[in-house]
Amino acid sequence: MVDIEKRAAYEFFSKVLRKKDLAFLMQFGSEAELLQDDTNSPRLLQDGLNQLRLSVPVGGLHPGPVPTQQSQAGTILFDAVYLAANEKLKGEVGRKTMVIITDGVDEGSKMTRDKAIEAAQKADAVIYSIDYEDPMYHGGGFGTITIGGRSGMPDLTRMSGDTGGHVYRVDRKNSLDDVFRELQDEMRSQYAIGYAPPGGKKDGSYHKIEIRVANKDYKVQARKGYYAIESQ
């Protein structure tokens, strides 16, 4: 990230975090690295943002507490989501959210997209994806760049949609600041609905759910299902 992206992320942390909220910061490239562990301090998160690099070399000189190494360089998006869910969010209580800034193209993950989604669902985490491509690498303007003819948007849409989140697109009409403001509003205007599996069985099975509203003008944004597992 360059300075403008770091500033936008810092402003988001400063405005969205409350005293009881916690956030952690993870960078992923060819491996995932935890830059800042759970904290409610915008200053510490800023320090973590200052450590962001354009890419994380395989092996890393100073890997964080949540490392994963790959023999093939790339962007391990699915591995990063899986690690964040299993290593950081699974044991936490309360509302849990992942905000992912990426171009959405995964290269070299050991975990599949579906395994990453499953981990997020089991951790009760909502994924918000920000489809972002740094303009400094695209001739000064925003555009859609595909690798090997592939676009990451379908994967981002699936991960966010299945967990009850949303995909935001940074482009000429919507800056990263605009996206963070919209995301902040959305995160602060949610409802929690409890649901028990049929018969109360918590056997680890997956249950699809569908939420409908009487007013057809309203659009429901909710997770597609849940895993009936015992609380940690």
Protein backbone atom coordinates (compact mmCIF):
# COMPACT_ATOMS: atom_id res chain seq x y z
CA MET A 1 0.00 0.00 0.00
CA VAL A 2 1.12 3.52 -0.64
CA ASP A 3 0.52 6.41 1.72
CA ILE A 4 -3.01 7.25 0.57
CA GLU A 5 -4.21 3.69 1.22
CA LYS A 6 -2.53 3.58 4.63
CA ARG A 7 -4.19 6.86 5.57
CA ALA A 8 -7.62 5.68 4.47
CA ALA A 9 -7.25 2.46 6.48
CA TYR A 10 -6.09 4.40 9.54
CA GLU A 11 -9.08 6.77 9.29
CA PHE A 12 -11.36 3.75 9.12
CA PHE A 13 -9.84 2.19 12.24
CA SER A 14 -10.04 5.50 14.08
CA LYS A 15 -13.72 6.01 13.30
CA VAL A 16 -15.10 2.48 13.50
CA LEU A 17 -13.39 1.21 16.65
CA ARG A 18 -15.06 1.67 20.02
CA LYS A 19 -13.56 0.99 23.46
CA LYS A 20 -14.87 -2.59 23.52
CA ASP A 21 -13.90 -3.31 19.93
CA LEU A 22 -10.74 -5.14 18.92
CA ALA A 23 -9.00 -5.30 15.57
CA PHE A 24 -5.97 -7.05 14.16
CA LEU A 25 -4.04 -6.36 10.97
CA MET A 26 -2.77 -9.05 8.60
CA GLN A 27 -0.86 -8.69 5.36
CA PHE A 28 -0.87 -11.43 2.76
CA GLY A 29 1.13 -11.89 -0.40
CA SER A 30 3.18 -15.03 -0.94
CA GLU A 31 2.62 -15.69 2.77
CA ALA A 32 0.42 -14.28 5.52
CA GLU A 33 1.91 -12.17 8.28
CA LEU A 34 0.22 -10.75 11.37
CA LEU A 35 1.40 -7.15 11.63
CA GLN A 36 -0.65 -6.19 14.69
CA ASP A 37 -2.41 -8.48 17.14
CA ASP A 38 -5.78 -7.70 18.75
CA THR A 39 -5.97 -4.11 19.96
CA ASN A 40 -8.40 -1.20 20.24
CA SER A 41 -5.58 1.31 19.79
CA PRO A 42 -5.61 3.22 16.47
CA ARG A 43 -1.98 4.16 17.18
CA LEU A 44 -0.85 0.54 17.32
CA LEU A 45 -2.83 -0.23 14.18
CA GLN A 46 -1.11 2.73 12.52
CA ASP A 47 2.24 1.24 13.50
CA GLY A 48 1.12 -2.00 11.86
CA LEU A 49 0.06 -0.16 8.72
CA ASN A 50 3.50 1.42 8.56
CA GLN A 51 4.97 -2.09 8.29
CA LEU A 52 2.98 -2.92 5.17
CA ARG A 53 5.11 -3.81 2.17
CA LEU A 54 4.22 -4.29 -1.48
CA SER A 55 4.77 -8.02 -1.15
CA VAL A 56 5.74 -10.51 1.52
CA PRO A 57 8.74 -12.65 0.51
CA VAL A 58 8.45 -16.37 1.02
CA GLY A 59 9.80 -17.22 4.46
CA GLY A 60 9.79 -13.60 5.60
CA LEU A 61 12.58 -12.12 7.69
CA HIS A 62 10.27 -11.45 10.62
CA PRO A 63 7.10 -13.49 10.16
CA GLY A 64 4.27 -12.72 12.57
CA PRO A 65 2.50 -15.21 14.85
CA VAL A 66 0.24 -16.45 12.03
CA PRO A 67 2.66 -17.44 9.23
CA THR A 68 2.14 -19.73 6.26
CA GLN A 69 4.76 -20.51 3.65
CA GLN A 70 4.28 -21.49 0.05
CA SER A 71 6.69 -22.94 -2.47
CA GLN A 72 4.99 -20.90 -5.21
CA ALA A 73 4.96 -17.12 -5.00
CA GLY A 74 1.59 -15.47 -5.40
CA THR A 75 -1.26 -13.99 -3.41
CA ILE A 76 -2.61 -16.51 -0.92
CA LEU A 77 -6.01 -14.93 -0.39
CA PHE A 78 -7.83 -18.14 0.60
CA ASP A 79 -5.09 -19.19 3.02
CA ALA A 80 -5.19 -15.76 4.66
CA VAL A 81 -8.98 -15.91 5.14
CA TYR A 82 -8.71 -19.44 6.54
CA LEU A 83 -5.94 -18.43 8.97
CA ALA A 84 -7.72 -15.28 10.13
CA ALA A 85 -10.88 -17.28 10.82
CA ASN A 86 -9.25 -20.26 12.54
CA GLU A 87 -6.35 -18.62 14.34
CA LYS A 88 -7.83 -15.26 15.29
CA LEU A 89 -11.64 -15.19 15.18
CA LYS A 90 -12.88 -18.69 15.97
CA GLY A 91 -12.38 -18.37 19.72
CA GLU A 92 -13.69 -14.82 20.01
CA VAL A 93 -17.22 -13.88 21.09
CA GLY A 94 -19.47 -11.14 19.76
CA ARG A 95 -19.80 -9.75 16.25
CA LYS A 96 -16.84 -10.64 14.04
CA THR A 97 -15.90 -9.09 10.72
CA MET A 98 -13.12 -9.51 8.17
CA VAL A 99 -12.35 -6.57 5.89
CA ILE A 100 -10.24 -7.72 2.95
CA ILE A 101 -8.52 -5.32 0.55
CA THR A 102 -7.42 -7.24 -2.53
CA ASP A 103 -7.76 -7.64 -6.28
CA GLY A 104 -9.40 -10.98 -5.50
CA VAL A 105 -7.08 -13.18 -7.54
CA ASP A 106 -5.66 -16.08 -5.52
CA GLU A 107 -2.32 -17.59 -6.51
CA GLY A 108 -0.76 -20.48 -4.60
CA SER A 109 -3.12 -21.05 -1.65
CA LYS A 110 -3.21 -24.52 -0.16
CA MET A 111 -6.79 -23.96 0.98
CA THR A 112 -9.65 -23.75 -1.50
CA ARG A 113 -12.15 -20.93 -1.62
CA ASP A 114 -14.83 -23.20 -0.16
CA LYS A 115 -12.59 -24.17 2.76
CA ALA A 116 -11.94 -20.48 3.46
CA ILE A 117 -15.69 -19.79 3.41
CA GLU A 118 -16.35 -22.75 5.70
CA ALA A 119 -13.76 -21.50 8.19
CA ALA A 120 -15.31 -18.03 8.20
CA GLN A 121 -18.80 -19.46 8.69
CA LYS A 122 -17.66 -21.69 11.55
CA ALA A 123 -16.08 -18.64 13.18
CA ASP A 124 -19.33 -16.66 12.69
CA ALA A 125 -17.38 -14.04 10.75
CA VAL A 126 -18.77 -11.76 8.06
CA ILE A 127 -16.46 -11.03 5.12
CA TYR A 128 -16.46 -7.59 3.54
CA SER A 129 -14.32 -7.48 0.40
CA ILE A 130 -12.85 -4.34 -1.13
CA ASP A 131 -11.93 -4.97 -4.76
CA TYR A 132 -8.97 -2.68 -5.11
CA GLU A 133 -6.15 -2.28 -7.59
CA ASP A 134 -3.46 0.28 -6.90
CA PRO A 135 -3.57 2.87 -9.72
CA MET A 136 0.18 3.46 -9.53
CA TYR A 137 0.65 0.08 -11.18
CA HIS A 138 -1.92 0.65 -13.92
CA GLY A 139 -0.77 3.81 -15.65
CA GLY A 140 -2.35 6.18 -13.15
CA GLY A 141 -5.95 5.04 -13.67
CA PHE A 142 -8.22 2.37 -12.30
CA GLY A 143 -9.03 -0.65 -14.38
CA THR A 144 -9.68 -4.34 -14.25
CA ILE A 145 -6.52 -6.37 -14.70
CA THR A 146 -6.87 -10.13 -14.96
CA ILE A 147 -4.11 -12.65 -14.38
CA GLY A 148 -4.10 -15.52 -16.84
CA GLY A 149 -7.50 -14.35 -18.06
CA ARG A 150 -9.01 -14.75 -14.58
CA SER A 151 -10.83 -12.19 -12.47
CA GLY A 152 -11.07 -12.38 -8.70
CA MET A 153 -14.52 -10.79 -8.49
CA PRO A 154 -16.48 -14.12 -8.55
CA ASP A 155 -14.46 -15.42 -5.58
CA LEU A 156 -14.90 -12.19 -3.61
CA THR A 157 -18.62 -12.19 -4.36
CA ARG A 158 -18.97 -15.78 -3.20
CA MET A 159 -16.97 -15.34 0.01
CA SER A 160 -18.76 -12.16 1.02
CA GLY A 161 -22.22 -13.33 -0.06
CA ASP A 162 -22.04 -16.67 1.72
CA THR A 163 -21.02 -15.02 5.00
CA GLY A 164 -23.51 -12.15 4.88
CA GLY A 165 -21.11 -9.47 3.71
CA HIS A 166 -20.73 -7.32 0.64
CA VAL A 167 -18.19 -6.53 -2.09
CA TYR A 168 -17.14 -2.91 -2.59
CA ARG A 169 -15.38 -1.72 -5.72
CA VAL A 170 -12.80 1.07 -5.72
CA ASP A 171 -12.90 2.90 -9.06
CA ARG A 172 -13.04 6.40 -10.51
CA LYS A 173 -16.44 7.02 -8.92
CA ASN A 174 -15.74 5.42 -5.54
CA SER A 175 -12.51 6.17 -3.71
CA LEU A 176 -11.14 4.05 -0.90
CA ASP A 177 -12.27 6.77 1.51
CA ASP A 178 -15.81 6.52 0.13
CA VAL A 179 -15.81 2.74 0.48
CA PHE A 180 -14.58 2.86 4.08
CA ARG A 181 -17.29 5.40 4.98
CA GLU A 182 -19.99 3.20 3.47
CA LEU A 183 -18.56 0.13 5.16
CA GLN A 184 -18.49 1.91 8.51
CA ASP A 185 -22.17 2.79 8.17
CA GLU A 186 -23.06 -0.78 7.25
CA MET A 187 -21.12 -2.32 10.12
CA ARG A 188 -22.90 -0.03 12.58
CA SER A 189 -26.40 -0.77 11.29
CA GLN A 190 -26.84 -4.53 11.54
CA TYR A 191 -29.34 -6.82 13.24
CA ALA A 192 -28.54 -10.13 14.93
CA ILE A 193 -31.07 -12.96 14.56
CA GLY A 194 -30.70 -16.16 16.55
CA TYR A 195 -31.65 -19.55 15.11
CA ALA A 196 -31.42 -23.07 16.51
CA PRO A 197 -30.95 -26.17 14.32
CA PRO A 198 -33.90 -28.58 13.99
CA GLY A 199 -34.11 -30.73 17.12
CA GLY A 200 -31.31 -28.74 18.75
CA LYS A 201 -28.66 -31.07 17.30
CA LYS A 202 -25.20 -29.56 17.15
CA ASP A 203 -23.51 -32.25 15.10
CA GLY A 204 -21.37 -29.99 12.94
CA SER A 205 -23.67 -30.25 9.93
CA TYR A 206 -24.34 -27.34 7.59
CA HIS A 207 -27.81 -25.80 7.44
CA LYS A 208 -28.96 -23.46 4.70
CA ILE A 209 -31.11 -20.52 5.76
CA GLU A 210 -33.12 -17.91 3.91
CA ILE A 211 -34.43 -14.70 5.43
CA ARG A 212 -37.41 -13.00 3.83
CA VAL A 213 -39.13 -9.72 4.64
CA ALA A 214 -42.78 -8.83 4.11
CA ASN A 215 -41.91 -5.59 2.32
CA LYS A 216 -40.66 -6.55 -1.15
CA ASP A 217 -38.89 -3.20 -1.47
CA TYR A 218 -36.35 -4.27 1.14
CA LYS A 219 -33.32 -6.37 0.25
CA VAL A 220 -31.93 -8.73 2.87
CA GLN A 221 -28.18 -9.12 3.19
CA ALA A 222 -27.47 -12.18 5.33
CA ARG A 223 -25.36 -15.31 5.44
CA LYS A 224 -26.51 -18.27 3.34
CA GLY A 225 -26.26 -20.80 6.16
CA TYR A 226 -24.41 -21.93 9.28
CA TYR A 227 -22.66 -24.91 10.85
CA ALA A 228 -24.38 -26.38 13.90
CA ILE A 229 -21.36 -26.75 16.16
CA GLU A 230 -20.91 -26.53 19.91
CA SER A 231 -19.78 -23.17 21.25
CA GLN A 232 -16.11 -22.94 22.12
